[in-house]
Structure formats: structure tokens, C-alpha cells
Amino acid sequence: MLPSTASLKQTGGRKLARIVFDEDTIARRVAEMGREITAAYPDGELLVLGLLKGTFIFLSDLVRRLDRPLQVDFLVAASYGAATISSGDVRLLYDPETELRGKHILLVEDIVDTGKTLNRLVTLLRERDPQSLEICALLHKHLAQHLVLEPKFVGFDAPRVFLVGYGLDHAENFRHLPYIASLE
């Protein structure tokens, strides 16, 4: 059962405005994406590379829907802090230890908005000589004007509001919610 707007959680002085994507809708779309990605990679070594922390729930659900051998590793980049707008200053805090050369790399992102983090990561990953590099994004706001690589797999087109839940946060709050909601 979905909470009503009146009963949506309040954390750190911020309250949720409304549920944008409910738990069942997300689960159905993730299963569809799993089939699409499985079909797109019939052979070769696949490394699913998650961008932490926002992708951890989506990534774990997604890889269980991929019907093929794969490896998983992570990147950690920071550009928001406690703000609701990206600073544009992208810092790589953790670099994957897995060898990327010659592998199909699927970079999993929680949300594409300004594209600054994504552009920085695509440039970095291309330098490591993968066989292919594609992006899988749970949410795409279609705000970025100069993406060096458009996401090949997109869960949902997202409204141009700040979203939390299902791994997405505001100042480390709200990640645990099983749905995606907008902040008031």
C-alpha cells in the first residue's frame, strides 16, 4: 500500500511532496530493462559498473534481472554534497579495481540531470580501452545539453524536480524508500 501524500516522510527538515514512481512501477521497468540489456549483450565479458551511492538499490535489482554472466564493480563520485543542485565540481572518490580493457562496460547511473558527473566518468572510462561503453540510467531529466554519451538504457523520463528514494538521496536521507518521490 502506498502512503498518502499527507503521510509522506519528513527527514532533516525536508518533506516529500508526492510519489513520482511507485514500487510496482519501478519493479516492472527494472525487469524490462534486464531483458533489454541481456539481449544487447549476447556474448563477451560484461562489467556492470555502478555509480555509488545512488545506484546501489537499482543496481542490485537490475543485475538479478540480467540472464548472462557478468561482473560488478563500483565508482564513487561526488558533486552534490547537501545541495539540491550539482556543484559541477566532480570528485572521483573510489576508482574501480577491476580491469576494464577489452570488456563491455555498462555504467549504471541513478539519474542524469546536468550530465557533468557522467561526462567526467565517460572520459575516464574510455581512456581504459573497454571493448564497448554504454550507460544505463534509472532516471533521465533531459537537462544535459552536451552529453558525450547518451544513455542507451533508460528506466524513466524524470520530471525536473529533485527526486529521492530507491537509492537517491538528499543529504544522505531518503535512500531507503521503496519508491521515488519529489521533495516539497
Protein backbone atom coordinates (compact mmCIF):
# COMPACT_ATOMS: atom_id res chain seq x y z
CA MET A 1 0.00 0.00 0.00
CA LEU A 2 1.31 3.43 -0.95
CA PRO A 3 1.47 6.16 1.65
CA SER A 4 -0.80 9.12 1.07
CA THR A 5 0.79 12.48 0.35
CA ALA A 6 -0.23 13.62 3.84
CA SER A 7 1.70 10.76 5.45
CA LEU A 8 4.89 11.05 3.39
CA LYS A 9 8.04 11.07 5.47
CA GLN A 10 9.84 14.14 6.71
CA THR A 11 13.58 13.95 7.32
CA GLY A 12 16.15 16.60 8.13
CA GLY A 13 13.59 19.37 7.79
CA ARG A 14 12.61 18.25 4.27
CA LYS A 15 9.23 16.71 3.46
CA LEU A 16 8.25 14.63 0.45
CA ALA A 17 5.76 16.26 -1.90
CA ARG A 18 4.46 13.28 -3.89
CA ILE A 19 5.29 9.81 -5.13
CA VAL A 20 6.53 10.03 -8.71
CA PHE A 21 7.23 6.31 -9.38
CA ASP A 22 5.75 3.67 -7.06
CA GLU A 23 7.42 0.41 -6.07
CA ASP A 24 5.46 -1.81 -8.51
CA THR A 25 6.11 0.50 -11.47
CA ILE A 26 9.83 0.52 -10.69
CA ALA A 27 9.98 -3.29 -10.36
CA ARG A 28 8.22 -3.80 -13.72
CA ARG A 29 10.53 -1.37 -15.52
CA VAL A 30 13.69 -2.85 -13.98
CA ALA A 31 12.61 -6.33 -15.17
CA GLU A 32 12.04 -4.93 -18.69
CA MET A 33 15.46 -3.25 -18.64
CA GLY A 34 17.05 -6.53 -17.56
CA ARG A 35 15.62 -8.23 -20.66
CA GLU A 36 16.74 -5.35 -22.91
CA ILE A 37 20.29 -5.40 -21.55
CA THR A 38 20.55 -9.20 -21.70
CA ALA A 39 19.54 -9.08 -25.38
CA ALA A 40 22.05 -6.28 -26.11
CA TYR A 41 24.99 -8.30 -24.75
CA PRO A 42 24.75 -11.84 -26.14
CA ASP A 43 28.47 -12.55 -25.65
CA GLY A 44 31.73 -11.15 -24.32
CA GLU A 45 32.74 -10.09 -20.83
CA LEU A 46 30.23 -7.71 -19.26
CA LEU A 47 31.19 -5.46 -16.35
CA VAL A 48 28.29 -3.66 -14.73
CA LEU A 49 29.81 -0.60 -13.11
CA GLY A 50 27.60 1.14 -10.57
CA LEU A 51 27.98 4.75 -9.54
CA LEU A 52 27.63 4.83 -5.75
CA LYS A 53 25.86 5.64 -3.63
CA GLY A 54 22.70 6.40 -5.58
CA THR A 55 22.65 3.26 -7.72
CA PHE A 56 23.06 0.60 -5.05
CA ILE A 57 19.39 -0.42 -4.84
CA PHE A 58 18.72 -0.10 -8.58
CA LEU A 59 21.95 -1.92 -9.44
CA SER A 60 21.21 -4.85 -7.12
CA ASP A 61 17.71 -5.25 -8.56
CA LEU A 62 18.97 -4.85 -12.14
CA VAL A 63 21.83 -7.37 -12.07
CA ARG A 64 19.47 -10.03 -10.70
CA ARG A 65 17.40 -9.49 -13.87
CA LEU A 66 20.34 -9.99 -16.27
CA ASP A 67 20.33 -13.50 -17.65
CA ARG A 68 24.04 -13.82 -18.53
CA PRO A 69 27.43 -13.98 -16.82
CA LEU A 70 28.71 -10.63 -15.56
CA GLN A 71 30.96 -8.88 -13.10
CA VAL A 72 30.05 -5.96 -10.83
CA ASP A 73 32.22 -3.13 -9.56
CA PHE A 74 31.66 0.44 -8.41
CA LEU A 75 32.74 4.05 -8.79
CA VAL A 76 32.19 6.79 -6.22
CA ALA A 77 31.97 10.36 -7.42
CA ALA A 78 30.68 13.43 -5.60
CA SER A 79 29.14 16.62 -6.97
CA TYR A 80 26.13 17.49 -4.77
CA GLY A 81 27.02 17.48 -1.06
CA ALA A 82 23.93 18.73 0.84
CA ALA A 83 22.65 20.85 -2.06
CA THR A 84 19.82 20.06 -4.47
CA ILE A 85 21.81 21.31 -7.48
CA SER A 86 25.08 19.79 -8.71
CA SER A 87 28.11 21.94 -7.91
CA GLY A 88 29.71 20.95 -11.20
CA ASP A 89 32.87 20.03 -9.28
CA VAL A 90 33.07 16.26 -9.80
CA ARG A 91 35.43 14.41 -7.49
CA LEU A 92 36.24 10.72 -8.01
CA LEU A 93 36.41 9.20 -4.54
CA TYR A 94 36.71 5.50 -5.47
CA ASP A 95 38.04 4.07 -8.71
CA PRO A 96 37.14 0.52 -9.84
CA GLU A 97 39.79 -2.11 -9.20
CA THR A 98 38.53 -4.39 -11.98
CA GLU A 99 40.44 -4.40 -15.29
CA LEU A 100 38.32 -2.59 -17.90
CA ARG A 101 40.37 -3.22 -21.04
CA GLY A 102 38.54 -5.36 -23.60
CA LYS A 103 35.29 -5.67 -21.61
CA HIS A 104 31.80 -4.45 -22.34
CA ILE A 105 31.25 -1.77 -19.69
CA LEU A 106 27.72 -0.86 -18.64
CA LEU A 107 27.90 2.25 -16.45
CA VAL A 108 24.83 2.35 -14.22
CA GLU A 109 23.71 5.80 -13.11
CA ASP A 110 20.78 6.68 -10.85
CA ILE A 111 19.81 9.95 -12.53
CA VAL A 112 21.06 12.01 -15.46
CA ASP A 113 20.48 15.70 -14.91
CA THR A 114 23.30 18.18 -15.63
CA GLY A 115 25.50 15.45 -17.14
CA LYS A 116 28.69 16.83 -15.58
CA THR A 117 29.40 13.72 -13.50
CA LEU A 118 28.54 11.43 -16.38
CA ASN A 119 30.76 13.28 -18.87
CA ARG A 120 33.71 13.13 -16.48
CA LEU A 121 33.23 9.40 -15.92
CA VAL A 122 32.76 8.53 -19.60
CA THR A 123 36.01 10.33 -20.45
CA LEU A 124 37.83 8.48 -17.67
CA LEU A 125 36.43 5.06 -18.65
CA ARG A 126 37.13 5.47 -22.38
CA GLU A 127 40.81 6.02 -21.53
CA ARG A 128 40.87 2.47 -20.12
CA ASP A 129 40.19 0.89 -23.53
CA PRO A 130 36.96 -1.08 -22.97
CA GLN A 131 35.51 -3.09 -25.86
CA SER A 132 32.34 -1.02 -25.51
CA LEU A 133 30.90 1.53 -23.11
CA GLU A 134 27.20 2.20 -22.62
CA ILE A 135 25.14 3.97 -19.97
CA CYS A 136 22.13 2.63 -18.13
CA ALA A 137 20.21 5.30 -16.19
CA LEU A 138 17.26 4.72 -13.93
CA LEU A 139 16.08 8.31 -14.47
CA HIS A 140 16.79 10.86 -17.19
CA LYS A 141 15.75 14.51 -16.80
CA HIS A 142 16.84 15.52 -20.33
CA LEU A 143 18.52 18.67 -19.00
CA ALA A 144 22.09 17.99 -20.10
CA GLN A 145 22.94 19.83 -23.29
CA HIS A 146 26.35 18.34 -24.01
CA LEU A 147 26.44 14.67 -23.01
CA VAL A 148 29.45 12.92 -24.53
CA LEU A 149 27.44 9.66 -24.46
CA GLU A 150 23.64 9.43 -24.26
CA PRO A 151 22.25 6.64 -22.08
CA LYS A 152 21.36 3.57 -24.15
CA PHE A 153 19.04 2.16 -21.46
CA VAL A 154 16.71 4.48 -19.53
CA GLY A 155 14.21 3.46 -16.90
CA PHE A 156 12.06 6.57 -16.82
CA ASP A 157 11.98 10.10 -18.14
CA ALA A 158 12.03 12.14 -14.95
CA PRO A 159 10.31 15.39 -14.07
CA ARG A 160 12.56 18.39 -13.48
CA VAL A 161 12.26 18.28 -9.70
CA PHE A 162 14.58 16.97 -7.01
CA LEU A 163 13.87 13.25 -6.54
CA VAL A 164 14.66 10.93 -3.64
CA GLY A 165 14.08 7.29 -2.73
CA TYR A 166 15.09 3.94 -4.25
CA GLY A 167 18.73 4.89 -3.61
CA LEU A 168 18.50 8.60 -4.42
CA ASP A 169 19.09 10.94 -1.50
CA HIS A 170 19.04 14.44 -0.19
CA ALA A 171 22.00 14.93 2.20
CA GLU A 172 22.10 11.12 2.73
CA ASN A 173 18.41 10.93 3.72
CA PHE A 174 15.53 9.12 1.96
CA ARG A 175 17.67 6.47 0.13
CA HIS A 176 15.79 3.65 1.86
CA LEU A 177 12.36 4.46 0.44
CA PRO A 178 10.99 1.74 -1.89
CA TYR A 179 9.53 4.36 -4.25
CA ILE A 180 10.78 7.57 -5.88
CA ALA A 181 9.29 10.84 -4.63
CA SER A 182 9.80 14.55 -5.10
CA LEU A 183 10.83 16.88 -2.30
CA GLU A 184 8.46 19.63 -1.21
